[in-house]
Amino acid sequence: MSIAVSNRRLARIAAALLILGAASAVHAQVRVDGAWARATVPSQSATGAFMRLTADKDVVLTGVSSPVARVVEVHEMSMDKDIMRMRAVDQLPLKAGQTNELKSGGLHIMMMGLKKQIKVGEVVPLTLSFKAADGRVSTVEANAMASFAPPER
């Protein structure tokens, strides 16, 4: 079976695909570096993920999901006197060109209701959702390597 497509029609299709690809690529230009997730022990129900995020234009991190956990949130950790407090952050603004570090003891990704133990060396897939100033939403896929300590830079 063969399908005949004129050169003109093929050129239009290719142009449309390039335009669509360029629009989504321009919108989702957030680099994820050094992503890692803290490995767990058996029956542990929560863990954190950490990384550096750098956006090419102003965007807002609006959410994170992962197939390894029932609930995934961006969290902020702070000390109040001698008490550690953690709370979910609904949005995390990322300024163009500035690197934002999600790290232990500060802003980080919290994965709760883990579906299984996360062992050293496993890859934890994460989907980060962003919203641009024009209202467009995009996602970036990241893979965090499981470890008990951050990777060497």
Protein backbone atom coordinates (compact mmCIF):
# COMPACT_ATOMS: atom_id res chain seq x y z
CA MET A 1 0.00 0.00 0.00
CA SER A 2 1.35 3.43 -0.88
CA ILE A 3 0.09 6.90 -0.11
CA ALA A 4 0.64 9.65 -2.62
CA VAL A 5 1.42 13.05 -1.10
CA SER A 6 2.33 16.02 -3.23
CA ASN A 7 5.54 17.90 -2.50
CA ARG A 8 3.52 21.03 -1.78
CA ARG A 9 1.29 19.23 0.74
CA LEU A 10 4.31 17.55 2.32
CA ALA A 11 6.01 20.95 2.67
CA ARG A 12 2.90 22.40 4.37
CA ILE A 13 2.73 19.47 6.79
CA ALA A 14 6.45 19.79 7.62
CA ALA A 15 6.08 23.56 8.16
CA ALA A 16 3.11 23.05 10.48
CA LEU A 17 5.02 20.47 12.51
CA LEU A 18 8.03 22.77 12.79
CA ILE A 19 5.83 25.65 13.96
CA LEU A 20 4.11 23.44 16.55
CA GLY A 21 7.43 22.04 17.72
CA ALA A 22 9.01 25.47 17.97
CA ALA A 23 6.06 26.87 19.92
CA SER A 24 6.17 24.10 22.50
CA ALA A 25 9.97 24.14 22.71
CA VAL A 26 10.06 27.90 23.27
CA HIS A 27 7.43 27.58 25.97
CA ALA A 28 8.99 24.70 27.92
CA GLN A 29 12.59 25.87 28.11
CA VAL A 30 13.42 24.92 31.68
CA ARG A 31 16.64 23.01 32.27
CA VAL A 32 16.78 20.43 35.04
CA ASP A 33 20.27 19.65 36.37
CA GLY A 34 21.55 17.32 39.07
CA ALA A 35 18.18 15.68 39.75
CA TRP A 36 18.28 13.05 42.47
CA ALA A 37 15.84 11.45 44.91
CA ARG A 38 16.62 10.20 48.38
CA ALA A 39 16.55 6.40 48.45
CA THR A 40 14.26 4.82 51.05
CA VAL A 41 14.21 1.90 53.45
CA PRO A 42 11.48 -0.76 53.29
CA SER A 43 8.03 0.53 54.34
CA GLN A 44 9.12 4.20 54.25
CA SER A 45 6.16 6.18 52.89
CA ALA A 46 7.77 9.49 51.86
CA THR A 47 10.96 10.89 50.41
CA GLY A 48 12.32 13.99 48.72
CA ALA A 49 13.68 14.89 45.30
CA PHE A 50 16.17 17.64 44.64
CA MET A 51 17.51 19.46 41.56
CA ARG A 52 18.49 22.75 40.00
CA LEU A 53 15.99 24.50 37.70
CA THR A 54 16.94 27.23 35.24
CA ALA A 55 14.28 28.85 33.04
CA ASP A 56 15.03 30.69 29.80
CA LYS A 57 12.02 32.95 30.43
CA ASP A 58 9.88 33.76 33.46
CA VAL A 59 7.64 30.81 34.36
CA VAL A 60 5.97 29.41 37.45
CA LEU A 61 6.39 25.82 38.64
CA THR A 62 2.78 24.87 39.38
CA GLY A 63 3.06 21.18 40.15
CA VAL A 64 4.96 17.91 40.02
CA SER A 65 3.83 14.34 39.54
CA SER A 66 5.50 10.92 39.57
CA PRO A 67 4.24 7.38 39.09
CA VAL A 68 6.12 6.28 42.24
CA ALA A 69 3.99 8.33 44.68
CA ARG A 70 0.33 9.08 45.27
CA VAL A 71 1.03 12.72 46.22
CA VAL A 72 3.89 14.90 44.94
CA GLU A 73 4.25 18.51 46.09
CA VAL A 74 6.79 21.29 46.13
CA HIS A 75 7.62 21.88 49.80
CA GLU A 76 9.37 24.56 51.76
CA MET A 77 11.27 23.64 54.92
CA SER A 78 12.11 26.17 57.59
CA MET A 79 13.20 26.19 61.22
CA ASP A 80 10.98 27.93 63.79
CA LYS A 81 13.05 28.09 66.97
CA ASP A 82 14.07 24.42 67.30
CA ILE A 83 11.13 23.03 65.32
CA MET A 84 11.39 22.04 61.68
CA ARG A 85 8.32 23.09 59.72
CA MET A 86 7.37 21.95 56.25
CA ARG A 87 4.55 23.18 54.09
CA ALA A 88 3.40 22.77 50.53
CA VAL A 89 4.07 25.64 48.12
CA ASP A 90 1.37 26.06 45.46
CA GLN A 91 3.61 27.94 43.04
CA LEU A 92 7.31 28.54 42.64
CA PRO A 93 8.20 31.49 40.37
CA LEU A 94 11.32 30.98 38.26
CA LYS A 95 12.98 34.12 36.88
CA ALA A 96 14.63 33.95 33.47
CA GLY A 97 18.30 33.03 33.68
CA GLN A 98 18.35 32.44 37.44
CA THR A 99 19.07 28.97 38.80
CA ASN A 100 16.74 27.82 41.57
CA GLU A 101 18.08 25.02 43.72
CA LEU A 102 15.64 22.57 45.24
CA LYS A 103 17.68 21.06 48.06
CA SER A 104 17.46 19.35 51.41
CA GLY A 105 16.73 21.90 54.12
CA GLY A 106 14.95 24.33 51.79
CA LEU A 107 12.64 24.14 48.83
CA HIS A 108 12.33 20.55 47.59
CA ILE A 109 9.95 18.07 46.02
CA MET A 110 8.14 15.86 48.53
CA MET A 111 6.83 12.48 47.38
CA MET A 112 4.28 10.97 49.78
CA GLY A 113 2.35 7.74 49.68
CA LEU A 114 5.19 5.90 47.97
CA LYS A 115 4.00 2.90 45.99
CA LYS A 116 7.25 0.99 46.54
CA GLN A 117 10.68 1.27 48.09
CA ILE A 118 13.03 3.51 46.11
CA LYS A 119 16.38 1.76 45.97
CA VAL A 120 19.82 3.26 45.34
CA GLY A 121 20.50 3.43 41.60
CA GLU A 122 16.85 3.43 40.52
CA VAL A 123 15.53 6.19 38.30
CA VAL A 124 12.56 8.16 39.63
CA PRO A 125 10.57 9.79 36.80
CA LEU A 126 9.15 13.24 37.51
CA THR A 127 6.87 15.48 35.44
CA LEU A 128 7.17 19.17 36.29
CA SER A 129 4.34 21.51 35.21
CA PHE A 130 4.99 25.15 34.38
CA LYS A 131 2.82 28.13 33.53
CA ALA A 132 4.12 31.06 31.49
CA ALA A 133 3.07 34.69 31.80
CA ASP A 134 0.79 34.28 28.76
CA GLY A 135 -1.08 31.48 30.57
CA ARG A 136 0.30 28.63 28.50
CA VAL A 137 1.04 25.44 30.41
CA SER A 138 3.95 23.12 29.62
CA THR A 139 5.65 20.13 31.19
CA VAL A 140 9.23 18.97 31.51
CA GLU A 141 10.15 15.35 32.12
CA ALA A 142 13.05 14.70 34.51
CA ASN A 143 14.71 11.56 35.81
CA ALA A 144 16.06 11.67 39.35
CA MET A 145 18.68 9.08 40.30
CA ALA A 146 18.01 7.49 43.71
CA SER A 147 20.83 7.87 46.23
CA PHE A 148 21.34 8.49 49.93
CA ALA A 149 23.44 11.60 49.17
CA PRO A 150 23.50 14.27 46.46
CA PRO A 151 25.67 13.59 43.42
CA GLU A 152 29.10 15.21 43.22
CA ARG A 153 29.06 18.39 41.09
